[in-house]
Protein backbone atom coordinates (compact mmCIF):
# COMPACT_ATOMS: atom_id res chain seq x y z
CA MET A 1 23.39 51.24 -104.42
CA ALA A 2 24.80 49.29 -107.39
CA TYR A 3 27.26 46.84 -105.80
CA SER A 4 27.92 44.59 -108.89
CA THR A 5 31.61 43.74 -109.34
CA SER A 6 31.01 44.00 -112.98
CA THR A 7 31.57 47.48 -114.47
CA ASP A 8 29.25 46.71 -117.26
CA VAL A 9 26.28 45.75 -114.89
CA PHE A 10 26.95 48.74 -112.82
CA ARG A 11 27.04 51.09 -115.74
CA GLU A 12 23.50 49.65 -116.73
CA GLN A 13 22.18 49.96 -113.29
CA ILE A 14 23.22 53.66 -112.98
CA ARG A 15 22.02 54.45 -116.46
CA VAL A 16 18.69 53.17 -115.70
CA ALA A 17 18.70 55.00 -112.19
CA VAL A 18 19.71 58.44 -114.01
CA GLU A 19 16.99 57.93 -116.65
CA ALA A 20 14.21 57.33 -114.14
CA GLY A 21 15.25 59.87 -111.46
CA GLY A 22 17.21 62.41 -113.45
CA GLY A 23 20.93 62.86 -112.92
CA ASN A 24 20.55 65.74 -110.24
CA ARG A 25 18.89 63.13 -107.98
CA VAL A 26 21.11 60.16 -108.46
CA TRP A 27 24.22 59.50 -106.22
CA ALA A 28 25.87 56.22 -107.29
CA GLY A 29 26.62 53.95 -104.38
CA ILE A 30 29.54 51.70 -105.09
CA GLY A 31 30.36 48.57 -102.90
CA ALA A 32 34.09 49.38 -102.96
CA TYR A 33 34.59 46.68 -100.25
CA ARG A 34 33.78 44.17 -102.84
CA GLN A 35 36.22 44.97 -105.37
CA VAL A 36 39.92 46.02 -106.27
CA ALA A 37 40.75 49.84 -106.36
CA ASP A 38 40.88 49.84 -110.10
CA SER A 39 37.38 48.55 -110.46
CA THR A 40 36.28 51.22 -107.99
CA VAL A 41 37.88 53.93 -109.94
CA ALA A 42 36.12 52.78 -113.35
CA LYS A 43 32.84 52.66 -111.60
CA ILE A 44 33.32 56.23 -110.41
CA THR A 45 34.31 57.21 -113.95
CA ALA A 46 31.33 55.43 -115.48
CA ALA A 47 28.77 57.08 -113.00
CA ARG A 48 30.13 60.56 -113.73
CA ALA A 49 30.05 59.87 -117.45
CA LEU A 50 26.35 58.89 -117.03
CA GLY A 51 25.47 62.14 -115.26
CA ALA A 52 25.15 60.78 -111.68
CA ARG A 53 25.18 63.79 -109.26
CA GLY A 54 27.70 62.16 -107.09
CA ILE A 55 29.36 59.15 -105.77
CA VAL A 56 29.12 57.21 -102.36
CA LEU A 57 31.58 54.50 -101.37
CA PHE A 58 30.41 51.83 -99.03
CA SER A 59 33.16 49.93 -97.02
CA TYR A 60 32.14 46.85 -94.71
CA ASN A 61 35.21 47.66 -92.52
CA SER A 62 34.11 51.18 -91.70
CA THR A 63 30.62 49.91 -90.42
CA SER A 64 32.06 47.08 -88.41
CA ALA A 65 34.95 48.30 -86.64
CA GLY A 66 34.86 47.36 -83.12
CA ALA A 67 32.01 45.02 -83.54
CA SER A 68 32.09 41.57 -82.07
């Protein structure tokens, strides 16, 4: 999971993960709930370019629906 709102920081985190684990093992977790849509799309594009196997989007709203 790389939840930074900065695409540059995110890119570096994913680069390190792909180098350490191999692209076939890394799915980039993006904290989509923390940023605007354009920033999320930029991170998806960056993760794909770096060789991440897939993308996982996390949204606080989906995990807290109906919670008190």
